[in-house]
Amino acid sequence: MTTPQTLATDTERHLSTRAGWHEFTQDPPTPPVLLSADEYAALDDADREHYDEVRLDHHARLRVVATSTVRHTVTSGRRLILLNRHAISARRGLIVSGPAGTGKTIAITQLGLAHELQDRARHPNSPDRIPVLYVTVPPAATPRMIAAEFARFLGLPTTRQFNITDIIESVVGVCTKARTGLVLVDELHNISLTTRHGAEVADTLKYFSERIPATFIYAGIDIEHSTLLSGTRGAQIAGRFTLIPSHPFPYNNEWKGLVRTLESTLLLHEHEPRTLAKLDRFLHDQTGGMIGALSHLIRGAAIDAILDGTERITKRGLKAIPLDAAAQSSQLLAEKNNR
């Protein structure tokens, strides 16, 4: 019998720390082998509990699907990194923007992963390099807070004795020495240029982009409709950054492919192949075409199927999974249109 893989000992590290990002860029764990009915029946209670726990962990992990948005972001980002390689100033960047749950964070982190792995392959004997830096913009951020986010990723001190100039100089120095080539800034919608602090945070990010010889990639909710691209400061951002929209998927061949891909990862003993493929229209109505909601729905139903012992996903089981408010609104609209 194949021994089920042990669970990861640390799944709590966040991408906005160097240790968390390093963990993210390692090879994903090998999926456990689905035992035959006889092998499963032969397990004692302890082995069965461990085997089921490993399968629960497998389904809890987010399977990254190479959607058109992910592919476009990775291709465009890698092109910009090359174009910016010898730029002294006015480096160009990307803004991935769209509604919540449409895969913006996945898109930019997959770009970061591609760049990190490529850099390691080119410099295998340079462990001190930090090719990618990932931060999120805190709510109601101040310039010092955003500078501290950069420092936190790098493990630099941010105590009160360090003023914002000290922090910025430390960040710039480390990034320059460590050959940081890509900076990912998520949750950009937390910046509002209508407030003094928001305008100062935008200026701080711009200053970082001028001092750090790297390509900057932003992601946020509906940035094109926010204040970030208006006024003098907004015009500067709009003039340097290409906008990549993320959006709910229409019910088309790509959506059907996403459902099939996610279904192929299931490790359930009684699940009938193509069950979800036959429910792709229903899944679209339930989720409003949101890739985040689709993944949550399928993974949640798989976990329930293991916990309740049914070992299969059904339409009824899918309906029992609570979704986010945006997906629920789309679901109600679909039900209304089908009446």
C-alpha atoms as a PDB file:
ATOM      1  CA  MET A   1       0.000   0.000   0.000  1.00  0.00           C
ATOM      2  CA  THR A   2       1.259   3.473  -0.820  1.00  0.00           C
ATOM      3  CA  THR A   3       1.870   5.432   2.355  1.00  0.00           C
ATOM      4  CA  PRO A   4      -0.138   8.709   2.330  1.00  0.00           C
ATOM      5  CA  GLN A   5       1.999  11.800   2.277  1.00  0.00           C
ATOM      6  CA  THR A   6       2.428  13.591   5.597  1.00  0.00           C
ATOM      7  CA  LEU A   7       0.787  16.977   5.907  1.00  0.00           C
ATOM      8  CA  ALA A   8       2.801  20.161   5.616  1.00  0.00           C
ATOM      9  CA  THR A   9       3.897  21.305   9.048  1.00  0.00           C
ATOM     10  CA  ASP A  10       3.495  25.023   8.334  1.00  0.00           C
ATOM     11  CA  THR A  11       0.667  26.316   6.174  1.00  0.00           C
ATOM     12  CA  GLU A  12       0.204  29.584   8.030  1.00  0.00           C
ATOM     13  CA  ARG A  13       3.056  31.617   6.579  1.00  0.00           C
ATOM     14  CA  HIS A  14       1.789  34.498   4.512  1.00  0.00           C
ATOM     15  CA  LEU A  15       3.020  35.446   1.057  1.00  0.00           C
ATOM     16  CA  SER A  16       3.920  38.909   2.340  1.00  0.00           C
ATOM     17  CA  THR A  17       6.893  37.483   4.232  1.00  0.00           C
ATOM     18  CA  ARG A  18      10.041  36.187   2.622  1.00  0.00           C
ATOM     19  CA  ALA A  19       9.619  32.805   4.341  1.00  0.00           C
ATOM     20  CA  GLY A  20       6.003  32.545   3.187  1.00  0.00           C
ATOM     21  CA  TRP A  21       6.876  33.473  -0.384  1.00  0.00           C
ATOM     22  CA  HIS A  22       9.736  30.952  -0.387  1.00  0.00           C
ATOM     23  CA  GLU A  23       7.320  28.248   0.768  1.00  0.00           C
ATOM     24  CA  PHE A  24       4.911  29.215  -2.034  1.00  0.00           C
ATOM     25  CA  THR A  25       7.621  28.847  -4.684  1.00  0.00           C
ATOM     26  CA  GLN A  26       8.608  25.326  -3.664  1.00  0.00           C
ATOM     27  CA  ASP A  27       7.295  22.315  -5.559  1.00  0.00           C
ATOM     28  CA  PRO A  28       3.719  21.568  -4.479  1.00  0.00           C
ATOM     29  CA  PRO A  29       3.179  18.344  -2.524  1.00  0.00           C
ATOM     30  CA  THR A  30       2.521  15.265  -4.606  1.00  0.00           C
ATOM     31  CA  PRO A  31      -1.202  14.407  -4.522  1.00  0.00           C
ATOM     32  CA  PRO A  32      -1.942  11.257  -2.518  1.00  0.00           C
ATOM     33  CA  VAL A  33      -2.751   8.067  -4.395  1.00  0.00           C
ATOM     34  CA  LEU A  34      -6.435   7.142  -4.382  1.00  0.00           C
ATOM     35  CA  LEU A  35      -6.633   3.668  -2.883  1.00  0.00           C
ATOM     36  CA  SER A  36      -8.763   0.911  -4.358  1.00  0.00           C
ATOM     37  CA  ALA A  37     -11.944  -0.118  -2.545  1.00  0.00           C
ATOM     38  CA  ASP A  38     -10.226  -3.213  -1.120  1.00  0.00           C
ATOM     39  CA  GLU A  39      -7.158  -1.243   0.019  1.00  0.00           C
ATOM     40  CA  TYR A  40      -9.354   1.357   1.670  1.00  0.00           C
ATOM     41  CA  ALA A  41     -11.440  -1.295   3.444  1.00  0.00           C
ATOM     42  CA  ALA A  42      -8.284  -2.978   4.744  1.00  0.00           C
ATOM     43  CA  LEU A  43      -7.066   0.150   6.574  1.00  0.00           C
ATOM     44  CA  ASP A  44      -7.311   0.158  10.338  1.00  0.00           C
ATOM     45  CA  ASP A  45      -8.950   3.129  12.062  1.00  0.00           C
ATOM     46  CA  ALA A  46      -5.727   5.096  12.565  1.00  0.00           C
ATOM     47  CA  ASP A  47      -4.492   4.598   9.007  1.00  0.00           C
ATOM     48  CA  ARG A  48      -7.903   5.462   7.591  1.00  0.00           C
ATOM     49  CA  GLU A  49      -8.076   8.639   9.630  1.00  0.00           C
ATOM     50  CA  HIS A  50      -4.616   9.660   8.424  1.00  0.00           C
ATOM     51  CA  TYR A  51      -5.425   8.797   4.806  1.00  0.00           C
ATOM     52  CA  ASP A  52      -8.645  10.819   4.925  1.00  0.00           C
ATOM     53  CA  GLU A  53      -6.833  13.733   6.574  1.00  0.00           C
ATOM     54  CA  VAL A  54      -4.305  13.791   3.738  1.00  0.00           C
ATOM     55  CA  ARG A  55      -7.148  13.818   1.187  1.00  0.00           C
ATOM     56  CA  LEU A  56      -8.882  16.626   3.075  1.00  0.00           C
ATOM     57  CA  ASP A  57      -5.674  18.646   2.931  1.00  0.00           C
ATOM     58  CA  HIS A  58      -5.359  17.917  -0.792  1.00  0.00           C
ATOM     59  CA  HIS A  59      -8.851  19.255  -1.503  1.00  0.00           C
ATOM     60  CA  ALA A  60      -8.338  22.246   0.780  1.00  0.00           C
ATOM     61  CA  ARG A  61      -5.430  23.461  -1.349  1.00  0.00           C
ATOM     62  CA  LEU A  62      -6.250  25.844  -4.156  1.00  0.00           C
ATOM     63  CA  ARG A  63      -5.471  24.248  -7.496  1.00  0.00           C
ATOM     64  CA  VAL A  64      -4.162  27.009  -9.753  1.00  0.00           C
ATOM     65  CA  VAL A  65      -5.834  26.824 -13.133  1.00  0.00           C
ATOM     66  CA  ALA A  66      -4.123  28.546 -16.052  1.00  0.00           C
ATOM     67  CA  THR A  67      -7.011  30.814 -17.011  1.00  0.00           C
ATOM     68  CA  SER A  68      -6.742  33.300 -19.865  1.00  0.00           C
ATOM     69  CA  THR A  69      -6.203  36.091 -17.290  1.00  0.00           C
ATOM     70  CA  VAL A  70      -3.322  34.197 -15.662  1.00  0.00           C
ATOM     71  CA  ARG A  71      -1.698  33.460 -19.027  1.00  0.00           C
ATOM     72  CA  HIS A  72      -2.082  37.057 -20.206  1.00  0.00           C
ATOM     73  CA  THR A  73      -0.647  38.437 -16.969  1.00  0.00           C
ATOM     74  CA  VAL A  74       2.357  36.103 -16.987  1.00  0.00           C
ATOM     75  CA  THR A  75       3.124  36.761 -20.658  1.00  0.00           C
ATOM     76  CA  SER A  76       2.723  40.541 -20.345  1.00  0.00           C
ATOM     77  CA  GLY A  77       4.674  40.691 -17.103  1.00  0.00           C
ATOM     78  CA  ARG A  78       7.637  38.707 -18.407  1.00  0.00           C
ATOM     79  CA  ARG A  79       7.728  40.920 -21.490  1.00  0.00           C
ATOM     80  CA  LEU A  80       7.829  44.054 -19.323  1.00  0.00           C
ATOM     81  CA  ILE A  81      10.586  42.636 -17.129  1.00  0.00           C
ATOM     82  CA  LEU A  82      12.735  42.242 -20.258  1.00  0.00           C
ATOM     83  CA  LEU A  83      11.819  45.689 -21.601  1.00  0.00           C
ATOM     84  CA  ASN A  84      12.622  47.282 -18.231  1.00  0.00           C
ATOM     85  CA  ARG A  85      15.925  45.463 -17.813  1.00  0.00           C
ATOM     86  CA  HIS A  86      18.060  48.395 -18.966  1.00  0.00           C
ATOM     87  CA  ALA A  87      15.651  51.237 -18.164  1.00  0.00           C
ATOM     88  CA  ILE A  88      17.064  53.928 -15.889  1.00  0.00           C
ATOM     89  CA  SER A  89      13.715  55.545 -15.084  1.00  0.00           C
ATOM     90  CA  ALA A  90      10.048  55.550 -16.138  1.00  0.00           C
ATOM     91  CA  ARG A  91       9.825  51.759 -16.010  1.00  0.00           C
ATOM     92  CA  ARG A  92       6.482  50.436 -17.120  1.00  0.00           C
ATOM     93  CA  GLY A  93       4.246  48.109 -15.139  1.00  0.00           C
ATOM     94  CA  LEU A  94       0.919  46.308 -15.038  1.00  0.00           C
ATOM     95  CA  ILE A  95      -2.324  46.771 -13.144  1.00  0.00           C
ATOM     96  CA  VAL A  96      -4.575  43.704 -12.884  1.00  0.00           C
ATOM     97  CA  SER A  97      -8.035  45.012 -12.072  1.00  0.00           C
ATOM     98  CA  GLY A  98     -11.517  43.565 -11.774  1.00  0.00           C
ATOM     99  CA  PRO A  99     -14.256  42.458  -9.375  1.00  0.00           C
ATOM    100  CA  ALA A 100     -13.453  40.452  -6.264  1.00  0.00           C
ATOM    101  CA  GLY A 101     -13.076  36.711  -6.836  1.00  0.00           C
ATOM    102  CA  THR A 102     -11.917  36.918 -10.454  1.00  0.00           C
ATOM    103  CA  GLY A 103      -8.375  35.667  -9.892  1.00  0.00           C
ATOM    104  CA  LYS A 104      -6.282  38.845  -9.647  1.00  0.00           C
ATOM    105  CA  THR A 105      -4.037  37.660  -6.822  1.00  0.00           C
ATOM    106  CA  ILE A 106      -3.598  34.280  -8.496  1.00  0.00           C
ATOM    107  CA  ALA A 107      -2.558  36.001 -11.720  1.00  0.00           C
ATOM    108  CA  ILE A 108       0.127  38.218 -10.191  1.00  0.00           C
ATOM    109  CA  THR A 109       1.486  35.525  -7.872  1.00  0.00           C
ATOM    110  CA  GLN A 110       1.785  33.118 -10.798  1.00  0.00           C
ATOM    111  CA  LEU A 111       3.798  35.797 -12.603  1.00  0.00           C
ATOM    112  CA  GLY A 112       5.945  36.106  -9.482  1.00  0.00           C
ATOM    113  CA  LEU A 113       6.393  32.343  -9.339  1.00  0.00           C
ATOM    114  CA  ALA A 114       7.461  32.183 -12.990  1.00  0.00           C
ATOM    115  CA  HIS A 115      10.001  34.956 -12.473  1.00  0.00           C
ATOM    116  CA  GLU A 116      11.346  33.444  -9.256  1.00  0.00           C
ATOM    117  CA  LEU A 117      11.891  30.020 -10.825  1.00  0.00           C
ATOM    118  CA  GLN A 118      13.515  31.512 -13.913  1.00  0.00           C
ATOM    119  CA  ASP A 119      15.870  33.592 -11.759  1.00  0.00           C
ATOM    120  CA  ARG A 120      16.850  30.536  -9.700  1.00  0.00           C
ATOM    121  CA  ALA A 121      17.583  28.573 -12.867  1.00  0.00           C
ATOM    122  CA  ARG A 122      19.853  31.361 -14.142  1.00  0.00           C
ATOM    123  CA  HIS A 123      21.606  31.876 -10.797  1.00  0.00           C
ATOM    124  CA  PRO A 124      21.598  28.494  -9.031  1.00  0.00           C
ATOM    125  CA  ASN A 125      24.485  29.371  -6.725  1.00  0.00           C
ATOM    126  CA  SER A 126      23.179  32.732  -5.483  1.00  0.00           C
ATOM    127  CA  PRO A 127      21.002  32.065  -2.416  1.00  0.00           C
ATOM    128  CA  ASP A 128      21.124  35.722  -1.344  1.00  0.00           C
ATOM    129  CA  ARG A 129      19.119  36.900  -4.355  1.00  0.00           C
ATOM    130  CA  ILE A 130      15.525  38.044  -3.713  1.00  0.00           C
ATOM    131  CA  PRO A 131      13.984  38.056  -7.206  1.00  0.00           C
ATOM    132  CA  VAL A 132      10.421  38.843  -6.088  1.00  0.00           C
ATOM    133  CA  LEU A 133       8.927  41.045  -3.366  1.00  0.00           C
ATOM    134  CA  TYR A 134       5.203  40.730  -2.541  1.00  0.00           C
ATOM    135  CA  VAL A 135       3.254  43.162  -0.342  1.00  0.00           C
ATOM    136  CA  THR A 136      -0.371  44.041   0.292  1.00  0.00           C
ATOM    137  CA  VAL A 137      -1.618  47.567   0.892  1.00  0.00           C
ATOM    138  CA  PRO A 138      -3.175  47.779   4.390  1.00  0.00           C
ATOM    139  CA  PRO A 139      -6.553  49.512   4.837  1.00  0.00           C
ATOM    140  CA  ALA A 140      -6.186  53.219   5.620  1.00  0.00           C
ATOM    141  CA  ALA A 141      -2.489  52.908   4.859  1.00  0.00           C
ATOM    142  CA  THR A 142      -0.001  55.674   5.581  1.00  0.00           C
ATOM    143  CA  PRO A 143       3.347  56.099   3.806  1.00  0.00           C
ATOM    144  CA  ARG A 144       5.167  54.608   6.792  1.00  0.00           C
ATOM    145  CA  MET A 145       2.808  51.626   6.836  1.00  0.00           C
ATOM    146  CA  ILE A 146       3.449  50.795   3.175  1.00  0.00           C
ATOM    147  CA  ALA A 147       7.204  51.237   3.663  1.00  0.00           C
ATOM    148  CA  ALA A 148       6.968  48.910   6.675  1.00  0.00           C
ATOM    149  CA  GLU A 149       5.215  46.287   4.516  1.00  0.00           C
ATOM    150  CA  PHE A 150       8.196  46.287   2.146  1.00  0.00           C
ATOM    151  CA  ALA A 151      10.568  46.022   5.119  1.00  0.00           C
ATOM    152  CA  ARG A 152       8.542  43.235   6.730  1.00  0.00           C
ATOM    153  CA  PHE A 153       8.835  41.074   3.633  1.00  0.00           C
ATOM    154  CA  LEU A 154      12.609  41.522   3.717  1.00  0.00           C
ATOM    155  CA  GLY A 155      12.856  40.951   7.466  1.00  0.00           C
ATOM    156  CA  LEU A 156      14.130  44.461   8.161  1.00  0.00           C
ATOM    157  CA  PRO A 157      13.454  46.273  11.468  1.00  0.00           C
ATOM    158  CA  THR A 158      10.611  48.804  11.583  1.00  0.00           C
ATOM    159  CA  THR A 159      10.634  49.894  15.224  1.00  0.00           C
ATOM    160  CA  ARG A 160       9.841  53.495  16.189  1.00  0.00           C
ATOM    161  CA  GLN A 161      13.494  54.462  16.238  1.00  0.00           C
ATOM    162  CA  PHE A 162      13.490  54.028  12.450  1.00  0.00           C
ATOM    163  CA  ASN A 163      11.741  56.851  10.614  1.00  0.00           C
ATOM    164  CA  ILE A 164      10.245  56.385   7.156  1.00  0.00           C
ATOM    165  CA  THR A 165      13.401  57.616   5.423  1.00  0.00           C
ATOM    166  CA  ASP A 166      15.480  55.036   7.287  1.00  0.00           C
ATOM    167  CA  ILE A 167      13.058  52.266   6.313  1.00  0.00           C
ATOM    168  CA  ILE A 168      12.931  53.292   2.647  1.00  0.00           C
ATOM    169  CA  GLU A 169      16.714  53.506   2.377  1.00  0.00           C
ATOM    170  CA  SER A 170      17.087  50.065   3.968  1.00  0.00           C
ATOM    171  CA  VAL A 171      14.508  48.549   1.600  1.00  0.00           C
ATOM    172  CA  VAL A 172      16.076  50.127  -1.481  1.00  0.00           C
ATOM    173  CA  GLY A 173      19.540  49.015  -0.405  1.00  0.00           C
ATOM    174  CA  VAL A 174      18.534  45.393   0.179  1.00  0.00           C
ATOM    175  CA  CYS A 175      16.454  45.143  -3.019  1.00  0.00           C
ATOM    176  CA  THR A 176      19.253  46.611  -5.104  1.00  0.00           C
ATOM    177  CA  LYS A 177      21.887  44.320  -3.596  1.00  0.00           C
ATOM    178  CA  ALA A 178      19.605  41.250  -3.790  1.00  0.00           C
ATOM    179  CA  ARG A 179      18.749  41.955  -7.451  1.00  0.00           C
ATOM    180  CA  THR A 180      14.995  42.213  -6.904  1.00  0.00           C
ATOM    181  CA  GLY A 181      13.483  42.311 -10.376  1.00  0.00           C
ATOM    182  CA  LEU A 182       9.755  42.133  -9.662  1.00  0.00           C
ATOM    183  CA  VAL A 183       7.624  43.880  -7.027  1.00  0.00           C
ATOM    184  CA  LEU A 184       4.014  42.721  -6.578  1.00  0.00           C
ATOM    185  CA  VAL A 185       1.643  45.116  -4.792  1.00  0.00           C
ATOM    186  CA  ASP A 186      -1.767  43.640  -3.988  1.00  0.00           C
ATOM    187  CA  GLU A 187      -4.970  45.245  -2.627  1.00  0.00           C
ATOM    188  CA  LEU A 188      -4.212  48.504  -4.425  1.00  0.00           C
ATOM    189  CA  HIS A 189      -7.858  49.587  -4.035  1.00  0.00           C
ATOM    190  CA  ASN A 190      -7.052  50.402  -0.383  1.00  0.00           C
ATOM    191  CA  ILE A 191      -5.419  53.590  -1.670  1.00  0.00           C
ATOM    192  CA  SER A 192      -7.644  56.625  -2.310  1.00  0.00           C
ATOM    193  CA  LEU A 193      -6.127  59.684  -3.930  1.00  0.00           C
ATOM    194  CA  THR A 194      -8.930  61.808  -2.440  1.00  0.00           C
ATOM    195  CA  THR A 195      -7.276  61.571   0.995  1.00  0.00           C
ATOM    196  CA  ARG A 196      -3.956  63.071   2.023  1.00  0.00           C
ATOM    197  CA  HIS A 197      -2.598  59.767   3.302  1.00  0.00           C
ATOM    198  CA  GLY A 198      -3.746  57.981   0.143  1.00  0.00           C
ATOM    199  CA  ALA A 199      -1.991  60.482  -2.096  1.00  0.00           C
ATOM    200  CA  GLU A 200       1.156  60.181   0.018  1.00  0.00           C
ATOM    201  CA  VAL A 201       1.048  56.368  -0.200  1.00  0.00           C
ATOM    202  CA  ALA A 202       0.795  56.615  -3.995  1.00  0.00           C
ATOM    203  CA  ASP A 203       3.804  58.939  -3.960  1.00  0.00           C
ATOM    204  CA  THR A 204       5.713  56.476  -1.767  1.00  0.00           C
ATOM    205  CA  LEU A 205       5.029  53.618  -4.176  1.00  0.00           C
ATOM    206  CA  LYS A 206       6.131  55.817  -7.066  1.00  0.00           C
ATOM    207  CA  TYR A 207       9.336  56.670  -5.188  1.00  0.00           C
ATOM    208  CA  PHE A 208      10.015  52.978  -4.554  1.00  0.00           C
ATOM    209  CA  SER A 209       9.479  52.245  -8.255  1.00  0.00           C
ATOM    210  CA  GLU A 210      12.025  54.921  -9.172  1.00  0.00           C
ATOM    211  CA  ARG A 211      14.639  53.775  -6.631  1.00  0.00           C
ATOM    212  CA  ILE A 212      14.292  49.983  -6.955  1.00  0.00           C
ATOM    213  CA  PRO A 213      15.381  48.711 -10.397  1.00  0.00           C
ATOM    214  CA  ALA A 214      12.404  46.387 -10.732  1.00  0.00           C
ATOM    215  CA  THR A 215       9.128  45.976 -12.604  1.00  0.00           C
ATOM    216  CA  PHE A 216       6.107  46.883 -10.454  1.00  0.00           C
ATOM    217  CA  ILE A 217       2.845  44.948 -10.792  1.00  0.00           C
ATOM    218  CA  TYR A 218      -0.328  46.157  -9.067  1.00  0.00           C
ATOM    219  CA  ALA A 219      -3.599  44.342  -8.413  1.00  0.00           C
ATOM    220  CA  GLY A 220      -6.849  45.647  -6.986  1.00  0.00           C
ATOM    221  CA  ILE A 221     -10.615  45.793  -7.266  1.00  0.00           C
ATOM    222  CA  ASP A 222     -12.003  47.920 -10.117  1.00  0.00           C
ATOM    223  CA  ILE A 223      -8.984  50.227 -10.243  1.00  0.00           C
ATOM    224  CA  GLU A 224     -10.045  51.719 -13.566  1.00  0.00           C
ATOM    225  CA  HIS A 225     -13.182  53.105 -11.873  1.00  0.00           C
ATOM    226  CA  SER A 226     -11.379  54.437  -8.802  1.00  0.00           C
ATOM    227  CA  THR A 227      -9.581  57.711  -8.125  1.00  0.00           C
ATOM    228  CA  LEU A 228      -6.190  56.082  -8.677  1.00  0.00           C
ATOM    229  CA  LEU A 229      -6.145  56.865 -12.384  1.00  0.00           C
ATOM    230  CA  SER A 230      -7.558  60.396 -12.136  1.00  0.00           C
ATOM    231  CA  GLY A 231      -5.909  63.752 -11.541  1.00  0.00           C
ATOM    232  CA  THR A 232      -2.227  64.531 -11.897  1.00  0.00           C
ATOM    233  CA  ARG A 233      -1.016  61.576  -9.847  1.00  0.00           C
ATOM    234  CA  GLY A 234      -3.482  59.247 -11.557  1.00  0.00           C
ATOM    235  CA  ALA A 235      -2.345  60.422 -14.977  1.00  0.00           C
ATOM    236  CA  GLN A 236       1.240  59.494 -14.075  1.00  0.00           C
ATOM    237  CA  ILE A 237       0.138  56.003 -13.064  1.00  0.00           C
ATOM    238  CA  ALA A 238      -2.049  55.589 -16.154  1.00  0.00           C
ATOM    239  CA  GLY A 239       0.835  56.713 -18.364  1.00  0.00           C
ATOM    240  CA  ARG A 240       3.186  54.017 -17.065  1.00  0.00           C
ATOM    241  CA  PHE A 241       0.936  51.049 -16.336  1.00  0.00           C
ATOM    242  CA  THR A 242      -0.912  48.733 -18.705  1.00  0.00           C
ATOM    243  CA  LEU A 243      -4.324  47.627 -17.459  1.00  0.00           C
ATOM    244  CA  ILE A 244      -5.231  43.930 -17.567  1.00  0.00           C
ATOM    245  CA  PRO A 245      -8.903  43.379 -16.747  1.00  0.00           C
ATOM    246  CA  SER A 246     -10.037  40.328 -14.805  1.00  0.00           C
ATOM    247  CA  HIS A 247     -13.703  39.436 -15.031  1.00  0.00           C
ATOM    248  CA  PRO A 248     -16.264  36.719 -14.379  1.00  0.00           C
ATOM    249  CA  PHE A 249     -16.126  34.036 -17.047  1.00  0.00           C
ATOM    250  CA  PRO A 250     -18.994  33.718 -19.499  1.00  0.00           C
ATOM    251  CA  TYR A 251     -20.464  30.283 -19.999  1.00  0.00           C
ATOM    252  CA  ASN A 252     -18.194  29.164 -22.805  1.00  0.00           C
ATOM    253  CA  ASN A 253     -15.559  26.556 -23.655  1.00  0.00           C
ATOM    254  CA  GLU A 254     -13.017  28.065 -21.269  1.00  0.00           C
ATOM    255  CA  TRP A 255     -15.473  27.785 -18.388  1.00  0.00           C
ATOM    256  CA  LYS A 256     -16.216  24.164 -19.297  1.00  0.00           C
ATOM    257  CA  GLY A 257     -12.479  23.486 -19.377  1.00  0.00           C
ATOM    258  CA  LEU A 258     -12.036  25.035 -15.912  1.00  0.00           C
ATOM    259  CA  VAL A 259     -14.705  22.725 -14.507  1.00  0.00           C
ATOM    260  CA  ARG A 260     -13.117  19.662 -16.125  1.00  0.00           C
ATOM    261  CA  THR A 261      -9.674  20.619 -14.824  1.00  0.00           C
ATOM    262  CA  LEU A 262     -10.894  21.047 -11.264  1.00  0.00           C
ATOM    263  CA  GLU A 263     -12.871  17.807 -11.447  1.00  0.00           C
ATOM    264  CA  SER A 264      -9.742  15.940 -12.548  1.00  0.00           C
ATOM    265  CA  THR A 265      -8.079  16.762  -9.199  1.00  0.00           C
ATOM    266  CA  LEU A 266     -10.774  15.081  -7.076  1.00  0.00           C
ATOM    267  CA  LEU A 267      -9.776  12.072  -4.958  1.00  0.00           C
ATOM    268  CA  LEU A 268     -13.148  10.596  -3.975  1.00  0.00           C
ATOM    269  CA  HIS A 269     -13.907   6.866  -3.961  1.00  0.00           C
ATOM    270  CA  GLU A 270     -17.490   7.019  -5.269  1.00  0.00           C
ATOM    271  CA  HIS A 271     -17.321  10.052  -7.547  1.00  0.00           C
ATOM    272  CA  GLU A 272     -18.555   9.342 -11.077  1.00  0.00           C
ATOM    273  CA  PRO A 273     -16.289  10.853 -13.763  1.00  0.00           C
ATOM    274  CA  ARG A 274     -17.781  13.817 -15.664  1.00  0.00           C
ATOM    275  CA  THR A 275     -20.401  14.449 -12.967  1.00  0.00           C
ATOM    276  CA  LEU A 276     -19.260  18.050 -12.650  1.00  0.00           C
ATOM    277  CA  ALA A 277     -18.704  18.428 -16.387  1.00  0.00           C
ATOM    278  CA  LYS A 278     -22.389  17.651 -16.861  1.00  0.00           C
ATOM    279  CA  LEU A 279     -23.218  20.314 -14.265  1.00  0.00           C
ATOM    280  CA  ASP A 280     -21.075  23.079 -15.792  1.00  0.00           C
ATOM    281  CA  ARG A 281     -24.089  25.285 -16.589  1.00  0.00           C
ATOM    282  CA  PHE A 282     -25.434  24.825 -13.057  1.00  0.00           C
ATOM    283  CA  LEU A 283     -22.001  25.651 -11.629  1.00  0.00           C
ATOM    284  CA  HIS A 284     -21.884  28.814 -13.720  1.00  0.00           C
ATOM    285  CA  ASP A 285     -25.290  29.888 -12.466  1.00  0.00           C
ATOM    286  CA  GLN A 286     -24.269  29.172  -8.872  1.00  0.00           C
ATOM    287  CA  THR A 287     -21.001  31.110  -9.016  1.00  0.00           C
ATOM    288  CA  GLY A 288     -21.739  33.833 -11.547  1.00  0.00           C
ATOM    289  CA  GLY A 289     -18.650  32.744 -13.478  1.00  0.00           C
ATOM    290  CA  MET A 290     -16.296  33.646 -10.601  1.00  0.00           C
ATOM    291  CA  ILE A 291     -13.241  31.379 -10.590  1.00  0.00           C
ATOM    292  CA  GLY A 292     -12.736  31.921  -6.853  1.00  0.00           C
ATOM    293  CA  ALA A 293     -16.316  30.873  -6.090  1.00  0.00           C
ATOM    294  CA  LEU A 294     -16.052  27.856  -8.409  1.00  0.00           C
ATOM    295  CA  SER A 295     -12.928  26.599  -6.684  1.00  0.00           C
ATOM    296  CA  HIS A 296     -14.449  27.183  -3.238  1.00  0.00           C
ATOM    297  CA  LEU A 297     -17.648  25.367  -4.232  1.00  0.00           C
ATOM    298  CA  ILE A 298     -15.963  22.260  -5.652  1.00  0.00           C
ATOM    299  CA  ARG A 299     -13.336  21.971  -2.941  1.00  0.00           C
ATOM    300  CA  GLY A 300     -15.945  22.510  -0.212  1.00  0.00           C
ATOM    301  CA  ALA A 301     -18.230  19.822  -1.652  1.00  0.00           C
ATOM    302  CA  ALA A 302     -15.270  17.417  -1.894  1.00  0.00           C
ATOM    303  CA  ILE A 303     -14.396  17.991   1.764  1.00  0.00           C
ATOM    304  CA  ASP A 304     -18.024  17.413   2.790  1.00  0.00           C
ATOM    305  CA  ALA A 305     -18.071  14.182   0.742  1.00  0.00           C
ATOM    306  CA  ILE A 306     -15.105  12.839   2.723  1.00  0.00           C
ATOM    307  CA  LEU A 307     -16.419  14.003   6.097  1.00  0.00           C
ATOM    308  CA  ASP A 308     -19.913  12.538   5.619  1.00  0.00           C
ATOM    309  CA  GLY A 309     -18.611   9.335   4.018  1.00  0.00           C
ATOM    310  CA  THR A 310     -20.569   9.642   0.764  1.00  0.00           C
ATOM    311  CA  GLU A 311     -17.335  10.036  -1.238  1.00  0.00           C
ATOM    312  CA  ARG A 312     -19.141  11.708  -4.127  1.00  0.00           C
ATOM    313  CA  ILE A 313     -20.159  15.229  -5.173  1.00  0.00           C
ATOM    314  CA  THR A 314     -23.814  15.735  -6.046  1.00  0.00           C
ATOM    315  CA  LYS A 315     -25.891  18.705  -7.125  1.00  0.00           C
ATOM    316  CA  ARG A 316     -27.518  18.690  -3.691  1.00  0.00           C
ATOM    317  CA  GLY A 317     -24.118  18.719  -2.019  1.00  0.00           C
ATOM    318  CA  LEU A 318     -22.995  21.650  -4.159  1.00  0.00           C
ATOM    319  CA  LYS A 319     -26.099  23.613  -3.231  1.00  0.00           C
ATOM    320  CA  ALA A 320     -25.288  23.120   0.452  1.00  0.00           C
ATOM    321  CA  ILE A 321     -21.998  25.033   0.218  1.00  0.00           C
ATOM    322  CA  PRO A 322     -22.445  28.701   1.257  1.00  0.00           C
ATOM    323  CA  LEU A 323     -20.848  31.155  -1.148  1.00  0.00           C
ATOM    324  CA  ASP A 324     -19.729  34.762  -0.870  1.00  0.00           C
ATOM    325  CA  ALA A 325     -22.243  37.573  -1.261  1.00  0.00           C
ATOM    326  CA  ALA A 326     -21.183  38.397  -4.847  1.00  0.00           C
ATOM    327  CA  ALA A 327     -21.661  34.809  -6.001  1.00  0.00           C
ATOM    328  CA  GLN A 328     -24.975  34.561  -4.141  1.00  0.00           C
ATOM    329  CA  SER A 329     -26.232  37.684  -5.931  1.00  0.00           C
ATOM    330  CA  SER A 330     -25.315  36.142  -9.287  1.00  0.00           C
ATOM    331  CA  GLN A 331     -27.030  32.919  -8.228  1.00  0.00           C
ATOM    332  CA  LEU A 332     -30.270  34.733  -7.353  1.00  0.00           C
ATOM    333  CA  LEU A 333     -30.170  36.599 -10.666  1.00  0.00           C
ATOM    334  CA  ALA A 334     -29.710  33.347 -12.583  1.00  0.00           C
ATOM    335  CA  GLU A 335     -32.623  31.751 -10.731  1.00  0.00           C
ATOM    336  CA  LYS A 336     -34.809  34.762 -11.520  1.00  0.00           C
ATOM    337  CA  ASN A 337     -33.909  34.627 -15.226  1.00  0.00           C
ATOM    338  CA  ASN A 338     -34.689  30.880 -15.350  1.00  0.00           C
ATOM    339  CA  ARG A 339     -38.202  31.294 -14.003  1.00  0.00           C
END
